[in-house]
Amino acid sequence: MRTIQMTLDDKLIHTVDKIVKELHTTRSAFTRHALQEAVQRFHISRLEEQHRKGYHSTPVKPGEFDRWEEEHAWGDA
């Protein structure tokens, strides 16, 4: 692990300090967790964008998935 220096505004630090006190953790642990979640959201948004582009460039054809309709277990039986 590396130590880094960050610049944050006072209001954000105050808010984080209240949260870490309630969670019984540290600023560093809280920040690591928040950054890990932000990285995960970033990767998910990239995958979703690739998905959108794929369907835009190759749209689903009418009836393309109709034969799979009977394969689904919808749970209403």
PDB file of N, CA and C in Angstrom:
ATOM      1  N   MET A   1       0.850  -1.172   0.000  1.00  0.00           N
ATOM      2  CA  MET A   1       0.000   0.000   0.000  1.00  0.00           C
ATOM      3  C   MET A   1       0.893   1.232   0.000  1.00  0.00           C
ATOM      4  N   ARG A   2       0.410   2.273  -0.665  1.00  0.00           N
ATOM      5  CA  ARG A   2       1.157   3.526  -0.723  1.00  0.00           C
ATOM      6  C   ARG A   2       0.386   4.623  -0.015  1.00  0.00           C
ATOM      7  N   THR A   3       1.098   5.577   0.519  1.00  0.00           N
ATOM      8  CA  THR A   3       0.494   6.754   1.125  1.00  0.00           C
ATOM      9  C   THR A   3       0.462   7.846   0.071  1.00  0.00           C
ATOM     10  N   ILE A   4      -0.703   8.470  -0.087  1.00  0.00           N
ATOM     11  CA  ILE A   4      -0.838   9.575  -1.031  1.00  0.00           C
ATOM     12  C   ILE A   4      -1.395  10.781  -0.304  1.00  0.00           C
ATOM     13  N   GLN A   5      -1.265  11.928  -0.932  1.00  0.00           N
ATOM     14  CA  GLN A   5      -1.780  13.162  -0.367  1.00  0.00           C
ATOM     15  C   GLN A   5      -2.912  13.647  -1.256  1.00  0.00           C
ATOM     16  N   MET A   6      -4.001  14.090  -0.640  1.00  0.00           N
ATOM     17  CA  MET A   6      -5.160  14.570  -1.397  1.00  0.00           C
ATOM     18  C   MET A   6      -5.587  15.924  -0.856  1.00  0.00           C
ATOM     19  N   THR A   7      -6.178  16.715  -1.724  1.00  0.00           N
ATOM     20  CA  THR A   7      -6.738  18.000  -1.311  1.00  0.00           C
ATOM     21  C   THR A   7      -8.260  17.886  -1.382  1.00  0.00           C
ATOM     22  N   LEU A   8      -8.902  18.122  -0.242  1.00  0.00           N
ATOM     23  CA  LEU A   8     -10.361  18.042  -0.160  1.00  0.00           C
ATOM     24  C   LEU A   8     -10.880  19.299   0.528  1.00  0.00           C
ATOM     25  N   ASP A   9     -12.086  19.700   0.169  1.00  0.00           N
ATOM     26  CA  ASP A   9     -12.641  20.883   0.824  1.00  0.00           C
ATOM     27  C   ASP A   9     -13.102  20.531   2.237  1.00  0.00           C
ATOM     28  N   ASP A  10     -13.163  21.562   3.070  1.00  0.00           N
ATOM     29  CA  ASP A  10     -13.475  21.378   4.495  1.00  0.00           C
ATOM     30  C   ASP A  10     -14.831  20.726   4.728  1.00  0.00           C
ATOM     31  N   LYS A  11     -15.826  21.103   3.927  1.00  0.00           N
ATOM     32  CA  LYS A  11     -17.165  20.542   4.113  1.00  0.00           C
ATOM     33  C   LYS A  11     -17.157  19.033   3.873  1.00  0.00           C
ATOM     34  N   LEU A  12     -16.453  18.587   2.824  1.00  0.00           N
ATOM     35  CA  LEU A  12     -16.374  17.158   2.537  1.00  0.00           C
ATOM     36  C   LEU A  12     -15.639  16.420   3.651  1.00  0.00           C
ATOM     37  N   ILE A  13     -14.543  16.971   4.133  1.00  0.00           N
ATOM     38  CA  ILE A  13     -13.794  16.339   5.231  1.00  0.00           C
ATOM     39  C   ILE A  13     -14.671  16.215   6.471  1.00  0.00           C
ATOM     40  N   HIS A  14     -15.407  17.271   6.771  1.00  0.00           N
ATOM     41  CA  HIS A  14     -16.294  17.241   7.941  1.00  0.00           C
ATOM     42  C   HIS A  14     -17.354  16.146   7.790  1.00  0.00           C
ATOM     43  N   THR A  15     -17.933  16.042   6.613  1.00  0.00           N
ATOM     44  CA  THR A  15     -18.948  15.015   6.356  1.00  0.00           C
ATOM     45  C   THR A  15     -18.348  13.621   6.463  1.00  0.00           C
ATOM     46  N   VAL A  16     -17.183  13.416   5.860  1.00  0.00           N
ATOM     47  CA  VAL A  16     -16.508  12.112   5.933  1.00  0.00           C
ATOM     48  C   VAL A  16     -16.164  11.775   7.377  1.00  0.00           C
ATOM     49  N   ASP A  17     -15.677  12.739   8.132  1.00  0.00           N
ATOM     50  CA  ASP A  17     -15.333  12.485   9.532  1.00  0.00           C
ATOM     51  C   ASP A  17     -16.541  12.047  10.350  1.00  0.00           C
ATOM     52  N   LYS A  18     -17.707  12.628  10.087  1.00  0.00           N
ATOM     53  CA  LYS A  18     -18.925  12.201  10.786  1.00  0.00           C
ATOM     54  C   LYS A  18     -19.280  10.765  10.412  1.00  0.00           C
ATOM     55  N   ILE A  19     -19.131  10.441   9.129  1.00  0.00           N
ATOM     56  CA  ILE A  19     -19.475   9.094   8.669  1.00  0.00           C
ATOM     57  C   ILE A  19     -18.522   8.055   9.233  1.00  0.00           C
ATOM     58  N   VAL A  20     -17.218   8.325   9.186  1.00  0.00           N
ATOM     59  CA  VAL A  20     -16.254   7.322   9.663  1.00  0.00           C
ATOM     60  C   VAL A  20     -16.398   7.098  11.164  1.00  0.00           C
ATOM     61  N   LYS A  21     -16.780   8.136  11.882  1.00  0.00           N
ATOM     62  CA  LYS A  21     -17.020   7.977  13.318  1.00  0.00           C
ATOM     63  C   LYS A  21     -18.202   7.038  13.547  1.00  0.00           C
ATOM     64  N   GLU A  22     -19.267   7.239  12.783  1.00  0.00           N
ATOM     65  CA  GLU A  22     -20.453   6.386  12.910  1.00  0.00           C
ATOM     66  C   GLU A  22     -20.148   4.948  12.501  1.00  0.00           C
ATOM     67  N   LEU A  23     -19.317   4.782  11.474  1.00  0.00           N
ATOM     68  CA  LEU A  23     -18.980   3.443  10.978  1.00  0.00           C
ATOM     69  C   LEU A  23     -17.828   2.780  11.746  1.00  0.00           C
ATOM     70  N   HIS A  24     -17.222   3.519  12.663  1.00  0.00           N
ATOM     71  CA  HIS A  24     -16.071   3.009  13.433  1.00  0.00           C
ATOM     72  C   HIS A  24     -14.961   2.535  12.497  1.00  0.00           C
ATOM     73  N   THR A  25     -14.590   3.421  11.590  1.00  0.00           N
ATOM     74  CA  THR A  25     -13.527   3.124  10.637  1.00  0.00           C
ATOM     75  C   THR A  25     -12.615   4.340  10.540  1.00  0.00           C
ATOM     76  N   THR A  26     -11.775   4.378   9.544  1.00  0.00           N
ATOM     77  CA  THR A  26     -10.856   5.498   9.365  1.00  0.00           C
ATOM     78  C   THR A  26     -11.148   6.211   8.042  1.00  0.00           C
ATOM     79  N   ARG A  27     -10.608   7.418   7.926  1.00  0.00           N
ATOM     80  CA  ARG A  27     -10.732   8.136   6.653  1.00  0.00           C
ATOM     81  C   ARG A  27     -10.136   7.303   5.522  1.00  0.00           C
ATOM     82  N   SER A  28      -8.976   6.731   5.786  1.00  0.00           N
ATOM     83  CA  SER A  28      -8.289   5.959   4.741  1.00  0.00           C
ATOM     84  C   SER A  28      -9.116   4.761   4.298  1.00  0.00           C
ATOM     85  N   ALA A  29      -9.645   4.010   5.256  1.00  0.00           N
ATOM     86  CA  ALA A  29     -10.443   2.832   4.912  1.00  0.00           C
ATOM     87  C   ALA A  29     -11.705   3.250   4.165  1.00  0.00           C
ATOM     88  N   PHE A  30     -12.341   4.307   4.630  1.00  0.00           N
ATOM     89  CA  PHE A  30     -13.549   4.807   3.979  1.00  0.00           C
ATOM     90  C   PHE A  30     -13.243   5.255   2.548  1.00  0.00           C
ATOM     91  N   THR A  31     -12.138   5.974   2.380  1.00  0.00           N
ATOM     92  CA  THR A  31     -11.748   6.473   1.061  1.00  0.00           C
ATOM     93  C   THR A  31     -11.384   5.325   0.127  1.00  0.00           C
ATOM     94  N   ARG A  32     -10.651   4.334   0.627  1.00  0.00           N
ATOM     95  CA  ARG A  32     -10.328   3.165  -0.197  1.00  0.00           C
ATOM     96  C   ARG A  32     -11.592   2.490  -0.699  1.00  0.00           C
ATOM     97  N   HIS A  33     -12.548   2.292   0.208  1.00  0.00           N
ATOM     98  CA  HIS A  33     -13.807   1.646  -0.159  1.00  0.00           C
ATOM     99  C   HIS A  33     -14.563   2.488  -1.195  1.00  0.00           C
ATOM    100  N   ALA A  34     -14.627   3.790  -0.972  1.00  0.00           N
ATOM    101  CA  ALA A  34     -15.333   4.677  -1.907  1.00  0.00           C
ATOM    102  C   ALA A  34     -14.665   4.662  -3.277  1.00  0.00           C
ATOM    103  N   LEU A  35     -13.345   4.666  -3.319  1.00  0.00           N
ATOM    104  CA  LEU A  35     -12.635   4.628  -4.595  1.00  0.00           C
ATOM    105  C   LEU A  35     -12.818   3.291  -5.296  1.00  0.00           C
ATOM    106  N   GLN A  36     -12.822   2.191  -4.535  1.00  0.00           N
ATOM    107  CA  GLN A  36     -13.057   0.876  -5.142  1.00  0.00           C
ATOM    108  C   GLN A  36     -14.443   0.824  -5.775  1.00  0.00           C
ATOM    109  N   GLU A  37     -15.442   1.357  -5.084  1.00  0.00           N
ATOM    110  CA  GLU A  37     -16.801   1.391  -5.637  1.00  0.00           C
ATOM    111  C   GLU A  37     -16.868   2.283  -6.876  1.00  0.00           C
ATOM    112  N   ALA A  38     -16.168   3.407  -6.859  1.00  0.00           N
ATOM    113  CA  ALA A  38     -16.159   4.305  -8.020  1.00  0.00           C
ATOM    114  C   ALA A  38     -15.508   3.633  -9.222  1.00  0.00           C
ATOM    115  N   VAL A  39     -14.430   2.906  -8.997  1.00  0.00           N
ATOM    116  CA  VAL A  39     -13.753   2.184 -10.078  1.00  0.00           C
ATOM    117  C   VAL A  39     -14.682   1.120 -10.649  1.00  0.00           C
ATOM    118  N   GLN A  40     -15.373   0.399  -9.771  1.00  0.00           N
ATOM    119  CA  GLN A  40     -16.304  -0.637 -10.226  1.00  0.00           C
ATOM    120  C   GLN A  40     -17.442  -0.020 -11.046  1.00  0.00           C
ATOM    121  N   ARG A  41     -17.999   1.106 -10.584  1.00  0.00           N
ATOM    122  CA  ARG A  41     -19.062   1.784 -11.340  1.00  0.00           C
ATOM    123  C   ARG A  41     -18.544   2.247 -12.698  1.00  0.00           C
ATOM    124  N   PHE A  42     -17.299   2.726 -12.742  1.00  0.00           N
ATOM    125  CA  PHE A  42     -16.700   3.161 -13.997  1.00  0.00           C
ATOM    126  C   PHE A  42     -16.621   1.996 -14.976  1.00  0.00           C
ATOM    127  N   HIS A  43     -16.135   0.847 -14.511  1.00  0.00           N
ATOM    128  CA  HIS A  43     -16.018  -0.324 -15.379  1.00  0.00           C
ATOM    129  C   HIS A  43     -17.391  -0.805 -15.861  1.00  0.00           C
ATOM    130  N   ILE A  44     -18.357  -0.787 -14.980  1.00  0.00           N
ATOM    131  CA  ILE A  44     -19.712  -1.196 -15.356  1.00  0.00           C
ATOM    132  C   ILE A  44     -20.275  -0.239 -16.404  1.00  0.00           C
ATOM    133  N   SER A  45     -20.066   1.054 -16.226  1.00  0.00           N
ATOM    134  CA  SER A  45     -20.593   2.010 -17.207  1.00  0.00           C
ATOM    135  C   SER A  45     -19.915   1.831 -18.556  1.00  0.00           C
ATOM    136  N   ARG A  46     -18.633   1.485 -18.569  1.00  0.00           N
ATOM    137  CA  ARG A  46     -17.936   1.204 -19.825  1.00  0.00           C
ATOM    138  C   ARG A  46     -18.537  -0.023 -20.515  1.00  0.00           C
ATOM    139  N   LEU A  47     -18.789  -1.082 -19.742  1.00  0.00           N
ATOM    140  CA  LEU A  47     -19.390  -2.291 -20.312  1.00  0.00           C
ATOM    141  C   LEU A  47     -20.792  -2.012 -20.839  1.00  0.00           C
ATOM    142  N   GLU A  48     -21.563  -1.214 -20.096  1.00  0.00           N
ATOM    143  CA  GLU A  48     -22.910  -0.865 -20.556  1.00  0.00           C
ATOM    144  C   GLU A  48     -22.848  -0.058 -21.849  1.00  0.00           C
ATOM    145  N   GLU A  49     -21.877   0.833 -21.968  1.00  0.00           N
ATOM    146  CA  GLU A  49     -21.727   1.616 -23.191  1.00  0.00           C
ATOM    147  C   GLU A  49     -21.355   0.720 -24.365  1.00  0.00           C
ATOM    148  N   GLN A  50     -20.460  -0.247 -24.145  1.00  0.00           N
ATOM    149  CA  GLN A  50     -20.113  -1.197 -25.194  1.00  0.00           C
ATOM    150  C   GLN A  50     -21.344  -2.009 -25.611  1.00  0.00           C
ATOM    151  N   HIS A  51     -22.141  -2.388 -24.648  1.00  0.00           N
ATOM    152  CA  HIS A  51     -23.365  -3.134 -24.892  1.00  0.00           C
ATOM    153  C   HIS A  51     -24.323  -2.313 -25.758  1.00  0.00           C
ATOM    154  N   ARG A  52     -24.521  -1.038 -25.374  1.00  0.00           N
ATOM    155  CA  ARG A  52     -25.394  -0.150 -26.145  1.00  0.00           C
ATOM    156  C   ARG A  52     -24.890   0.017 -27.573  1.00  0.00           C
ATOM    157  N   LYS A  53     -23.587   0.231 -27.720  1.00  0.00           N
ATOM    158  CA  LYS A  53     -23.012   0.399 -29.060  1.00  0.00           C
ATOM    159  C   LYS A  53     -23.195  -0.868 -29.894  1.00  0.00           C
ATOM    160  N   GLY A  54     -23.022  -2.024 -29.266  1.00  0.00           N
ATOM    161  CA  GLY A  54     -23.192  -3.290 -29.973  1.00  0.00           C
ATOM    162  C   GLY A  54     -24.608  -3.461 -30.487  1.00  0.00           C
ATOM    163  N   TYR A  55     -25.593  -3.176 -29.638  1.00  0.00           N
ATOM    164  CA  TYR A  55     -26.985  -3.301 -30.074  1.00  0.00           C
ATOM    165  C   TYR A  55     -27.357  -2.218 -31.080  1.00  0.00           C
ATOM    166  N   HIS A  56     -26.694  -1.066 -30.993  1.00  0.00           N
ATOM    167  CA  HIS A  56     -26.963  -0.007 -31.966  1.00  0.00           C
ATOM    168  C   HIS A  56     -26.406  -0.393 -33.339  1.00  0.00           C
ATOM    169  N   SER A  57     -25.203  -0.970 -33.342  1.00  0.00           N
ATOM    170  CA  SER A  57     -24.589  -1.343 -34.623  1.00  0.00           C
ATOM    171  C   SER A  57     -25.172  -2.638 -35.193  1.00  0.00           C
ATOM    172  N   THR A  58     -25.657  -3.523 -34.321  1.00  0.00           N
ATOM    173  CA  THR A  58     -26.264  -4.779 -34.757  1.00  0.00           C
ATOM    174  C   THR A  58     -27.545  -4.990 -33.957  1.00  0.00           C
ATOM    175  N   PRO A  59     -28.625  -4.314 -34.343  1.00  0.00           N
ATOM    176  CA  PRO A  59     -29.874  -4.427 -33.576  1.00  0.00           C
ATOM    177  C   PRO A  59     -30.442  -5.851 -33.604  1.00  0.00           C
ATOM    178  N   VAL A  60     -31.209  -6.159 -32.591  1.00  0.00           N
ATOM    179  CA  VAL A  60     -31.901  -7.442 -32.533  1.00  0.00           C
ATOM    180  C   VAL A  60     -32.940  -7.472 -33.653  1.00  0.00           C
ATOM    181  N   LYS A  61     -32.972  -8.576 -34.351  1.00  0.00           N
ATOM    182  CA  LYS A  61     -33.948  -8.732 -35.440  1.00  0.00           C
ATOM    183  C   LYS A  61     -35.279  -9.209 -34.857  1.00  0.00           C
ATOM    184  N   PRO A  62     -36.382  -8.773 -35.433  1.00  0.00           N
ATOM    185  CA  PRO A  62     -37.688  -9.245 -34.953  1.00  0.00           C
ATOM    186  C   PRO A  62     -37.730 -10.778 -34.981  1.00  0.00           C
ATOM    187  N   GLY A  63     -38.132 -11.360 -33.867  1.00  0.00           N
ATOM    188  CA  GLY A  63     -38.255 -12.809 -33.770  1.00  0.00           C
ATOM    189  C   GLY A  63     -36.955 -13.535 -33.472  1.00  0.00           C
ATOM    190  N   GLU A  64     -35.854 -12.797 -33.320  1.00  0.00           N
ATOM    191  CA  GLU A  64     -34.544 -13.426 -33.133  1.00  0.00           C
ATOM    192  C   GLU A  64     -34.484 -14.325 -31.894  1.00  0.00           C
ATOM    193  N   PHE A  65     -35.177 -13.948 -30.853  1.00  0.00           N
ATOM    194  CA  PHE A  65     -35.117 -14.714 -29.615  1.00  0.00           C
ATOM    195  C   PHE A  65     -36.426 -15.430 -29.283  1.00  0.00           C
ATOM    196  N   ASP A  66     -37.347 -15.446 -30.217  1.00  0.00           N
ATOM    197  CA  ASP A  66     -38.653 -16.047 -29.949  1.00  0.00           C
ATOM    198  C   ASP A  66     -38.561 -17.516 -29.553  1.00  0.00           C
ATOM    199  N   ARG A  67     -37.663 -18.264 -30.155  1.00  0.00           N
ATOM    200  CA  ARG A  67     -37.601 -19.697 -29.859  1.00  0.00           C
ATOM    201  C   ARG A  67     -37.136 -19.974 -28.421  1.00  0.00           C
ATOM    202  N   TRP A  68     -36.538 -18.981 -27.768  1.00  0.00           N
ATOM    203  CA  TRP A  68     -36.092 -19.165 -26.392  1.00  0.00           C
ATOM    204  C   TRP A  68     -37.186 -18.858 -25.384  1.00  0.00           C
ATOM    205  N   GLU A  69     -38.274 -18.299 -25.843  1.00  0.00           N
ATOM    206  CA  GLU A  69     -39.369 -17.913 -24.955  1.00  0.00           C
ATOM    207  C   GLU A  69     -39.851 -19.092 -24.115  1.00  0.00           C
ATOM    208  N   GLU A  70     -39.922 -20.287 -24.701  1.00  0.00           N
ATOM    209  CA  GLU A  70     -40.399 -21.469 -23.977  1.00  0.00           C
ATOM    210  C   GLU A  70     -39.365 -21.972 -22.975  1.00  0.00           C
ATOM    211  N   GLU A  71     -38.120 -21.568 -23.089  1.00  0.00           N
ATOM    212  CA  GLU A  71     -37.057 -22.048 -22.223  1.00  0.00           C
ATOM    213  C   GLU A  71     -37.029 -21.325 -20.879  1.00  0.00           C
ATOM    214  N   HIS A  72     -37.638 -20.161 -20.812  1.00  0.00           N
ATOM    215  CA  HIS A  72     -37.609 -19.365 -19.583  1.00  0.00           C
ATOM    216  C   HIS A  72     -38.491 -19.974 -18.511  1.00  0.00           C
ATOM    217  N   ALA A  73     -37.998 -19.942 -17.280  1.00  0.00           N
ATOM    218  CA  ALA A  73     -38.813 -20.314 -16.124  1.00  0.00           C
ATOM    219  C   ALA A  73     -39.207 -19.012 -15.446  1.00  0.00           C
ATOM    220  N   TRP A  74     -40.396 -18.512 -15.736  1.00  0.00           N
ATOM    221  CA  TRP A  74     -40.819 -17.229 -15.261  1.00  0.00           C
ATOM    222  C   TRP A  74     -41.299 -17.260 -13.800  1.00  0.00           C
ATOM    223  N   GLY A  75     -41.492 -18.436 -13.236  1.00  0.00           N
ATOM    224  CA  GLY A  75     -41.891 -18.534 -11.840  1.00  0.00           C
ATOM    225  C   GLY A  75     -43.354 -18.261 -11.590  1.00  0.00           C
ATOM    226  N   ASP A  76     -44.163 -18.162 -12.621  1.00  0.00           N
ATOM    227  CA  ASP A  76     -45.588 -17.896 -12.410  1.00  0.00           C
ATOM    228  C   ASP A  76     -46.425 -19.152 -12.598  1.00  0.00           C
ATOM    229  N   ALA A  77     -45.784 -20.295 -12.667  1.00  0.00           N
ATOM    230  CA  ALA A  77     -46.517 -21.547 -12.857  1.00  0.00           C
ATOM    231  C   ALA A  77     -46.758 -22.236 -11.532  1.00  0.00           C
TER     232      ALA A  77
END
